[in-house]
Amino acid sequence: MAIGPRAEDLPRIRLALGVYRVSAAVTGVFLLLLVVMMVTRYGFGMDLELGGPAGLVSLAPKEIIEADAAINLSTIILIVHGWLYVVYLICDFALWRLVRYSFGYFCFIALGGIIPFISFYFEWRVPRDIRERTRHLTEAPAEEIAA
């Protein structure tokens, strides 16, 4: 069995790549929100609250958020980022399966949802790598052109 993408998988690769790019960007944005939330929570002892007495979005000690009717936006950011990272991993797995690159590369791309700003780099770099891997499948051989 040859390693590398197959010509019949090109339409699915393009679709998976488009979904991956969107998931990488959205996961990256929520990862940056998560970093801000962690700095406010563990650096300043405050959580983001939504709809509390201090305004639409504000910082408040965690104990106060739990006592009043405000929504703890910090917890929502944690949960949403976790599920978006799962979607990001599914997209990474789909590309790994279709493009058939190494498991180490799969793990390397998986870091994009854990290390801030890396998902934005991968959103740019992975399509370039896949285009290079599939270039030979989209170009017609010279013998076919001459015939």
N, C-alpha and C. Protein backbone atom coordinates (compact mmCIF):
# COMPACT_ATOMS: atom_id res chain seq x y z
N MET A 1 0.84 -1.18 0.00
CA MET A 1 0.00 0.00 0.00
C MET A 1 0.88 1.24 0.00
N ALA A 2 0.65 2.13 -0.94
CA ALA A 2 1.42 3.36 -1.05
C ALA A 2 0.96 4.36 0.01
N ILE A 3 1.92 5.10 0.54
CA ILE A 3 1.61 6.13 1.52
C ILE A 3 1.42 7.45 0.77
N GLY A 4 0.40 8.16 1.12
CA GLY A 4 0.11 9.44 0.49
C GLY A 4 -1.34 9.50 0.05
N PRO A 5 -1.77 10.68 -0.33
CA PRO A 5 -3.17 10.84 -0.73
C PRO A 5 -3.49 10.14 -2.04
N ARG A 6 -4.74 9.74 -2.19
CA ARG A 6 -5.20 9.09 -3.42
C ARG A 6 -5.99 10.09 -4.24
N ALA A 7 -5.96 9.93 -5.55
CA ALA A 7 -6.66 10.86 -6.45
C ALA A 7 -8.17 10.86 -6.19
N GLU A 8 -8.74 9.72 -5.88
CA GLU A 8 -10.18 9.66 -5.66
C GLU A 8 -10.61 10.36 -4.36
N ASP A 9 -9.66 10.65 -3.47
CA ASP A 9 -9.97 11.34 -2.22
C ASP A 9 -9.88 12.86 -2.33
N LEU A 10 -9.48 13.40 -3.48
CA LEU A 10 -9.28 14.85 -3.60
C LEU A 10 -10.52 15.67 -3.25
N PRO A 11 -11.73 15.33 -3.71
CA PRO A 11 -12.89 16.15 -3.30
C PRO A 11 -13.12 16.13 -1.79
N ARG A 12 -12.94 14.98 -1.17
CA ARG A 12 -13.12 14.90 0.29
C ARG A 12 -12.01 15.63 1.02
N ILE A 13 -10.79 15.61 0.46
CA ILE A 13 -9.67 16.34 1.07
C ILE A 13 -9.97 17.84 1.05
N ARG A 14 -10.47 18.33 -0.07
CA ARG A 14 -10.80 19.76 -0.16
C ARG A 14 -11.88 20.15 0.84
N LEU A 15 -12.89 19.32 0.97
CA LEU A 15 -13.96 19.59 1.94
C LEU A 15 -13.42 19.55 3.37
N ALA A 16 -12.66 18.51 3.69
CA ALA A 16 -12.09 18.38 5.04
C ALA A 16 -11.14 19.53 5.35
N LEU A 17 -10.41 19.98 4.35
CA LEU A 17 -9.48 21.09 4.54
C LEU A 17 -10.23 22.39 4.81
N GLY A 18 -11.33 22.63 4.12
CA GLY A 18 -12.12 23.82 4.38
C GLY A 18 -12.70 23.82 5.79
N VAL A 19 -13.23 22.69 6.22
CA VAL A 19 -13.78 22.58 7.57
C VAL A 19 -12.66 22.73 8.60
N TYR A 20 -11.50 22.15 8.31
CA TYR A 20 -10.35 22.26 9.22
C TYR A 20 -9.94 23.72 9.40
N ARG A 21 -9.87 24.47 8.30
CA ARG A 21 -9.44 25.87 8.39
C ARG A 21 -10.39 26.68 9.26
N VAL A 22 -11.68 26.45 9.11
CA VAL A 22 -12.66 27.17 9.94
C VAL A 22 -12.51 26.75 11.40
N SER A 23 -12.39 25.45 11.65
CA SER A 23 -12.26 24.98 13.04
C SER A 23 -10.97 25.47 13.67
N ALA A 24 -9.89 25.57 12.90
CA ALA A 24 -8.62 26.08 13.44
C ALA A 24 -8.76 27.54 13.84
N ALA A 25 -9.41 28.33 13.02
CA ALA A 25 -9.58 29.75 13.34
C ALA A 25 -10.48 29.95 14.56
N VAL A 26 -11.59 29.25 14.60
CA VAL A 26 -12.53 29.41 15.73
C VAL A 26 -11.91 28.89 17.01
N THR A 27 -11.24 27.74 16.93
CA THR A 27 -10.57 27.20 18.13
C THR A 27 -9.48 28.14 18.61
N GLY A 28 -8.75 28.74 17.68
CA GLY A 28 -7.70 29.69 18.05
C GLY A 28 -8.25 30.91 18.76
N VAL A 29 -9.39 31.42 18.29
CA VAL A 29 -10.00 32.58 18.94
C VAL A 29 -10.44 32.21 20.36
N PHE A 30 -11.08 31.05 20.51
CA PHE A 30 -11.52 30.65 21.85
C PHE A 30 -10.34 30.31 22.75
N LEU A 31 -9.24 29.85 22.18
CA LEU A 31 -8.04 29.61 23.00
C LEU A 31 -7.49 30.93 23.52
N LEU A 32 -7.51 31.97 22.71
CA LEU A 32 -7.06 33.28 23.18
C LEU A 32 -8.01 33.82 24.26
N LEU A 33 -9.31 33.62 24.08
CA LEU A 33 -10.26 34.00 25.14
C LEU A 33 -9.98 33.22 26.42
N LEU A 34 -9.64 31.95 26.26
CA LEU A 34 -9.32 31.12 27.42
C LEU A 34 -8.08 31.63 28.15
N VAL A 35 -7.08 32.07 27.41
CA VAL A 35 -5.87 32.62 28.03
C VAL A 35 -6.22 33.88 28.83
N VAL A 36 -7.03 34.76 28.23
CA VAL A 36 -7.46 35.97 28.95
C VAL A 36 -8.23 35.59 30.21
N MET A 37 -9.13 34.61 30.09
CA MET A 37 -9.91 34.16 31.23
C MET A 37 -9.01 33.58 32.33
N MET A 38 -8.00 32.81 31.94
CA MET A 38 -7.10 32.23 32.94
C MET A 38 -6.29 33.31 33.66
N VAL A 39 -5.86 34.33 32.93
CA VAL A 39 -5.11 35.43 33.56
C VAL A 39 -6.01 36.16 34.56
N THR A 40 -7.25 36.43 34.16
CA THR A 40 -8.13 37.14 35.10
C THR A 40 -8.50 36.26 36.29
N ARG A 41 -8.69 34.97 36.06
CA ARG A 41 -9.11 34.08 37.15
C ARG A 41 -7.96 33.81 38.13
N TYR A 42 -6.81 33.39 37.60
CA TYR A 42 -5.73 32.98 38.48
C TYR A 42 -4.76 34.11 38.80
N GLY A 43 -4.72 35.14 37.96
CA GLY A 43 -3.85 36.28 38.24
C GLY A 43 -4.49 37.31 39.13
N PHE A 44 -5.79 37.54 38.93
CA PHE A 44 -6.48 38.59 39.66
C PHE A 44 -7.61 38.08 40.54
N GLY A 45 -7.90 36.79 40.48
CA GLY A 45 -8.96 36.21 41.30
C GLY A 45 -10.36 36.63 40.88
N MET A 46 -10.51 36.99 39.61
CA MET A 46 -11.80 37.47 39.11
C MET A 46 -12.25 36.59 37.94
N ASP A 47 -13.55 36.46 37.79
CA ASP A 47 -14.14 35.77 36.65
C ASP A 47 -14.95 36.76 35.83
N LEU A 48 -15.14 36.43 34.58
CA LEU A 48 -16.00 37.25 33.73
C LEU A 48 -17.45 36.86 34.00
N GLU A 49 -18.30 37.87 34.19
CA GLU A 49 -19.71 37.59 34.40
C GLU A 49 -20.52 38.30 33.33
N LEU A 50 -21.63 37.69 33.00
CA LEU A 50 -22.52 38.22 31.98
C LEU A 50 -23.87 38.52 32.62
N GLY A 51 -24.33 39.76 32.50
CA GLY A 51 -25.64 40.14 33.02
C GLY A 51 -25.70 40.32 34.51
N GLY A 52 -24.60 40.67 35.12
CA GLY A 52 -24.60 40.88 36.57
C GLY A 52 -24.96 42.32 36.92
N PRO A 53 -24.91 42.65 38.20
CA PRO A 53 -25.27 43.99 38.63
C PRO A 53 -24.29 45.07 38.18
N ALA A 54 -23.05 44.68 37.80
CA ALA A 54 -22.05 45.66 37.39
C ALA A 54 -22.14 46.02 35.92
N GLY A 55 -23.00 45.36 35.16
CA GLY A 55 -23.14 45.68 33.74
C GLY A 55 -23.29 44.41 32.91
N LEU A 56 -23.29 44.60 31.58
CA LEU A 56 -23.49 43.47 30.68
C LEU A 56 -22.36 42.44 30.83
N VAL A 57 -21.11 42.88 30.67
CA VAL A 57 -19.95 42.02 30.87
C VAL A 57 -19.02 42.73 31.84
N SER A 58 -18.65 42.05 32.91
CA SER A 58 -17.79 42.67 33.90
C SER A 58 -16.96 41.60 34.61
N LEU A 59 -15.99 42.06 35.38
CA LEU A 59 -15.18 41.18 36.22
C LEU A 59 -15.74 41.20 37.64
N ALA A 60 -15.81 40.05 38.24
CA ALA A 60 -16.31 39.95 39.61
C ALA A 60 -15.66 38.74 40.27
N PRO A 61 -15.49 38.77 41.60
CA PRO A 61 -14.98 37.59 42.28
C PRO A 61 -15.91 36.40 42.04
N LYS A 62 -15.34 35.21 41.95
CA LYS A 62 -16.10 34.02 41.61
C LYS A 62 -17.24 33.77 42.61
N GLU A 63 -16.99 34.03 43.86
CA GLU A 63 -18.00 33.79 44.88
C GLU A 63 -19.23 34.65 44.66
N ILE A 64 -19.04 35.89 44.21
CA ILE A 64 -20.17 36.79 43.97
C ILE A 64 -20.98 36.31 42.77
N ILE A 65 -20.30 35.82 41.72
CA ILE A 65 -21.00 35.35 40.53
C ILE A 65 -21.91 34.17 40.89
N GLU A 66 -21.41 33.28 41.74
CA GLU A 66 -22.21 32.13 42.14
C GLU A 66 -23.39 32.54 43.01
N ALA A 67 -23.27 33.65 43.75
CA ALA A 67 -24.34 34.06 44.66
C ALA A 67 -25.45 34.83 43.96
N ASP A 68 -25.11 35.65 42.94
CA ASP A 68 -26.18 36.41 42.26
C ASP A 68 -26.62 35.69 40.98
N ALA A 69 -27.48 36.33 40.22
CA ALA A 69 -28.09 35.69 39.06
C ALA A 69 -27.27 35.83 37.78
N ALA A 70 -26.03 36.28 37.88
CA ALA A 70 -25.20 36.47 36.68
C ALA A 70 -24.74 35.12 36.11
N ILE A 71 -24.44 35.14 34.84
CA ILE A 71 -23.91 33.95 34.16
C ILE A 71 -22.39 34.02 34.19
N ASN A 72 -21.76 32.93 34.61
CA ASN A 72 -20.31 32.89 34.67
C ASN A 72 -19.76 32.66 33.27
N LEU A 73 -19.32 33.73 32.61
CA LEU A 73 -18.82 33.67 31.24
C LEU A 73 -17.49 32.90 31.17
N SER A 74 -16.73 32.91 32.23
CA SER A 74 -15.46 32.18 32.26
C SER A 74 -15.69 30.68 32.11
N THR A 75 -16.68 30.16 32.79
CA THR A 75 -16.99 28.73 32.68
C THR A 75 -17.50 28.39 31.28
N ILE A 76 -18.28 29.28 30.69
CA ILE A 76 -18.77 29.05 29.34
C ILE A 76 -17.61 29.01 28.35
N ILE A 77 -16.65 29.91 28.50
CA ILE A 77 -15.47 29.91 27.62
C ILE A 77 -14.71 28.60 27.76
N LEU A 78 -14.54 28.11 28.99
CA LEU A 78 -13.86 26.82 29.21
C LEU A 78 -14.57 25.68 28.49
N ILE A 79 -15.87 25.60 28.64
CA ILE A 79 -16.64 24.50 28.05
C ILE A 79 -16.65 24.59 26.53
N VAL A 80 -16.90 25.78 26.00
CA VAL A 80 -16.96 25.94 24.55
C VAL A 80 -15.61 25.63 23.92
N HIS A 81 -14.52 26.12 24.52
CA HIS A 81 -13.21 25.81 23.96
C HIS A 81 -12.94 24.30 23.98
N GLY A 82 -13.35 23.64 25.04
CA GLY A 82 -13.14 22.19 25.11
C GLY A 82 -13.84 21.46 23.98
N TRP A 83 -15.09 21.81 23.71
CA TRP A 83 -15.83 21.15 22.63
C TRP A 83 -15.31 21.56 21.26
N LEU A 84 -14.90 22.81 21.10
CA LEU A 84 -14.31 23.23 19.83
C LEU A 84 -12.99 22.51 19.57
N TYR A 85 -12.24 22.23 20.63
CA TYR A 85 -11.00 21.49 20.46
C TYR A 85 -11.30 20.05 20.01
N VAL A 86 -12.37 19.48 20.51
CA VAL A 86 -12.77 18.15 20.06
C VAL A 86 -13.09 18.18 18.56
N VAL A 87 -13.81 19.20 18.12
CA VAL A 87 -14.12 19.34 16.69
C VAL A 87 -12.82 19.53 15.89
N TYR A 88 -11.91 20.33 16.43
CA TYR A 88 -10.61 20.55 15.78
C TYR A 88 -9.86 19.22 15.63
N LEU A 89 -9.87 18.40 16.66
CA LEU A 89 -9.20 17.09 16.58
C LEU A 89 -9.87 16.17 15.57
N ILE A 90 -11.19 16.22 15.48
CA ILE A 90 -11.91 15.42 14.48
C ILE A 90 -11.51 15.86 13.07
N CYS A 91 -11.42 17.16 12.85
CA CYS A 91 -10.99 17.67 11.54
C CYS A 91 -9.56 17.27 11.26
N ASP A 92 -8.70 17.35 12.26
CA ASP A 92 -7.31 16.91 12.12
C ASP A 92 -7.26 15.43 11.77
N PHE A 93 -8.08 14.63 12.44
CA PHE A 93 -8.12 13.19 12.16
C PHE A 93 -8.60 12.92 10.73
N ALA A 94 -9.62 13.66 10.29
CA ALA A 94 -10.13 13.47 8.93
C ALA A 94 -9.05 13.76 7.90
N LEU A 95 -8.31 14.83 8.11
CA LEU A 95 -7.20 15.14 7.19
C LEU A 95 -6.12 14.07 7.25
N TRP A 96 -5.82 13.62 8.46
CA TRP A 96 -4.79 12.58 8.62
C TRP A 96 -5.19 11.31 7.87
N ARG A 97 -6.45 10.96 7.97
CA ARG A 97 -6.93 9.75 7.31
C ARG A 97 -6.94 9.91 5.79
N LEU A 98 -7.37 11.06 5.30
CA LEU A 98 -7.47 11.25 3.85
C LEU A 98 -6.13 11.54 3.18
N VAL A 99 -5.32 12.38 3.81
CA VAL A 99 -4.03 12.75 3.21
C VAL A 99 -2.97 11.69 3.51
N ARG A 100 -3.20 10.94 4.56
CA ARG A 100 -2.34 9.81 4.93
C ARG A 100 -0.91 10.26 5.26
N TYR A 101 -0.81 11.26 6.11
CA TYR A 101 0.51 11.63 6.60
C TYR A 101 0.78 10.92 7.92
N SER A 102 1.94 11.14 8.51
CA SER A 102 2.37 10.35 9.66
C SER A 102 1.56 10.69 10.92
N PHE A 103 1.56 9.75 11.86
CA PHE A 103 0.87 9.97 13.12
C PHE A 103 1.53 11.09 13.91
N GLY A 104 2.83 11.23 13.80
CA GLY A 104 3.54 12.32 14.47
C GLY A 104 3.07 13.68 13.97
N TYR A 105 2.82 13.80 12.67
CA TYR A 105 2.31 15.05 12.11
C TYR A 105 0.90 15.32 12.63
N PHE A 106 0.09 14.28 12.77
CA PHE A 106 -1.25 14.40 13.36
C PHE A 106 -1.14 14.97 14.78
N CYS A 107 -0.24 14.43 15.58
CA CYS A 107 -0.05 14.91 16.96
C CYS A 107 0.48 16.34 16.98
N PHE A 108 1.36 16.66 16.03
CA PHE A 108 1.92 18.01 15.93
C PHE A 108 0.81 19.02 15.64
N ILE A 109 -0.07 18.70 14.71
CA ILE A 109 -1.17 19.60 14.38
C ILE A 109 -2.16 19.69 15.55
N ALA A 110 -2.29 18.62 16.32
CA ALA A 110 -3.20 18.63 17.48
C ALA A 110 -2.79 19.68 18.50
N LEU A 111 -1.52 20.06 18.52
CA LEU A 111 -1.06 21.10 19.45
C LEU A 111 -1.67 22.46 19.15
N GLY A 112 -2.24 22.60 17.95
CA GLY A 112 -2.83 23.89 17.56
C GLY A 112 -3.95 24.35 18.45
N GLY A 113 -4.64 23.48 19.10
CA GLY A 113 -5.73 23.87 19.99
C GLY A 113 -5.29 24.01 21.44
N ILE A 114 -4.00 23.81 21.70
CA ILE A 114 -3.49 23.86 23.06
C ILE A 114 -2.53 25.04 23.27
N ILE A 115 -1.73 25.34 22.27
CA ILE A 115 -0.73 26.41 22.37
C ILE A 115 -1.28 27.64 21.65
N PRO A 116 -1.39 28.78 22.35
CA PRO A 116 -1.96 29.98 21.72
C PRO A 116 -1.21 30.39 20.45
N PHE A 117 -1.95 30.86 19.48
CA PHE A 117 -1.49 31.37 18.18
C PHE A 117 -1.02 30.27 17.22
N ILE A 118 -0.77 29.05 17.68
CA ILE A 118 -0.29 28.00 16.79
C ILE A 118 -1.39 27.57 15.81
N SER A 119 -2.65 27.58 16.25
CA SER A 119 -3.72 27.17 15.34
C SER A 119 -3.82 28.12 14.15
N PHE A 120 -3.51 29.41 14.36
CA PHE A 120 -3.54 30.36 13.25
C PHE A 120 -2.41 30.06 12.27
N TYR A 121 -1.25 29.65 12.79
CA TYR A 121 -0.14 29.26 11.92
C TYR A 121 -0.51 27.99 11.15
N PHE A 122 -1.09 27.01 11.83
CA PHE A 122 -1.47 25.76 11.15
C PHE A 122 -2.59 25.99 10.14
N GLU A 123 -3.48 26.94 10.43
CA GLU A 123 -4.55 27.25 9.49
C GLU A 123 -3.97 27.74 8.17
N TRP A 124 -2.79 28.33 8.22
CA TRP A 124 -2.09 28.78 7.03
C TRP A 124 -1.19 27.68 6.47
N ARG A 125 -0.50 26.95 7.34
CA ARG A 125 0.53 26.01 6.90
C ARG A 125 -0.02 24.67 6.40
N VAL A 126 -1.00 24.12 7.07
CA VAL A 126 -1.52 22.79 6.69
C VAL A 126 -2.07 22.78 5.27
N PRO A 127 -2.86 23.78 4.83
CA PRO A 127 -3.31 23.74 3.43
C PRO A 127 -2.15 23.77 2.44
N ARG A 128 -1.10 24.50 2.79
CA ARG A 128 0.08 24.55 1.91
C ARG A 128 0.74 23.18 1.82
N ASP A 129 0.87 22.50 2.96
CA ASP A 129 1.44 21.15 2.95
C ASP A 129 0.58 20.19 2.14
N ILE A 130 -0.72 20.29 2.31
CA ILE A 130 -1.61 19.37 1.60
C ILE A 130 -1.59 19.65 0.10
N ARG A 131 -1.52 20.94 -0.29
CA ARG A 131 -1.39 21.25 -1.72
C ARG A 131 -0.13 20.64 -2.30
N GLU A 132 0.97 20.70 -1.54
CA GLU A 132 2.22 20.09 -2.01
C GLU A 132 2.09 18.57 -2.12
N ARG A 133 1.41 17.96 -1.17
CA ARG A 133 1.24 16.50 -1.19
C ARG A 133 0.30 16.03 -2.30
N THR A 134 -0.65 16.88 -2.69
CA THR A 134 -1.61 16.48 -3.71
C THR A 134 -1.31 17.06 -5.08
N ARG A 135 -0.25 17.83 -5.21
CA ARG A 135 0.08 18.45 -6.49
C ARG A 135 0.26 17.42 -7.59
N HIS A 136 0.93 16.32 -7.29
CA HIS A 136 1.17 15.30 -8.31
C HIS A 136 -0.13 14.62 -8.76
N LEU A 137 -1.17 14.70 -7.94
CA LEU A 137 -2.45 14.08 -8.31
C LEU A 137 -3.26 14.99 -9.23
N THR A 138 -3.03 16.30 -9.16
CA THR A 138 -3.82 17.23 -9.97
C THR A 138 -3.13 17.58 -11.28
N GLU A 139 -1.83 17.36 -11.38
CA GLU A 139 -1.11 17.65 -12.62
C GLU A 139 -1.20 16.47 -13.57
N ALA A 140 -1.45 16.73 -14.80
CA ALA A 140 -1.50 15.66 -15.81
C ALA A 140 -0.08 15.29 -16.21
N PRO A 141 0.23 14.00 -16.32
CA PRO A 141 1.56 13.60 -16.74
C PRO A 141 1.85 14.08 -18.16
N ALA A 142 3.13 14.29 -18.46
CA ALA A 142 3.55 14.81 -19.75
C ALA A 142 3.14 13.88 -20.90
N GLU A 143 3.11 12.56 -20.67
CA GLU A 143 2.73 11.62 -21.72
C GLU A 143 1.28 11.80 -22.14
N GLU A 144 0.40 12.10 -21.16
CA GLU A 144 -1.01 12.29 -21.47
C GLU A 144 -1.24 13.58 -22.24
N ILE A 145 -0.44 14.62 -21.96
CA ILE A 145 -0.59 15.89 -22.64
C ILE A 145 -0.14 15.75 -24.09
N ALA A 146 0.96 15.02 -24.32
CA ALA A 146 1.49 14.85 -25.67
C ALA A 146 0.57 14.02 -26.54
N ALA A 147 -0.18 13.10 -25.96
CA ALA A 147 -1.03 12.19 -26.76
C ALA A 147 -2.27 12.82 -27.29
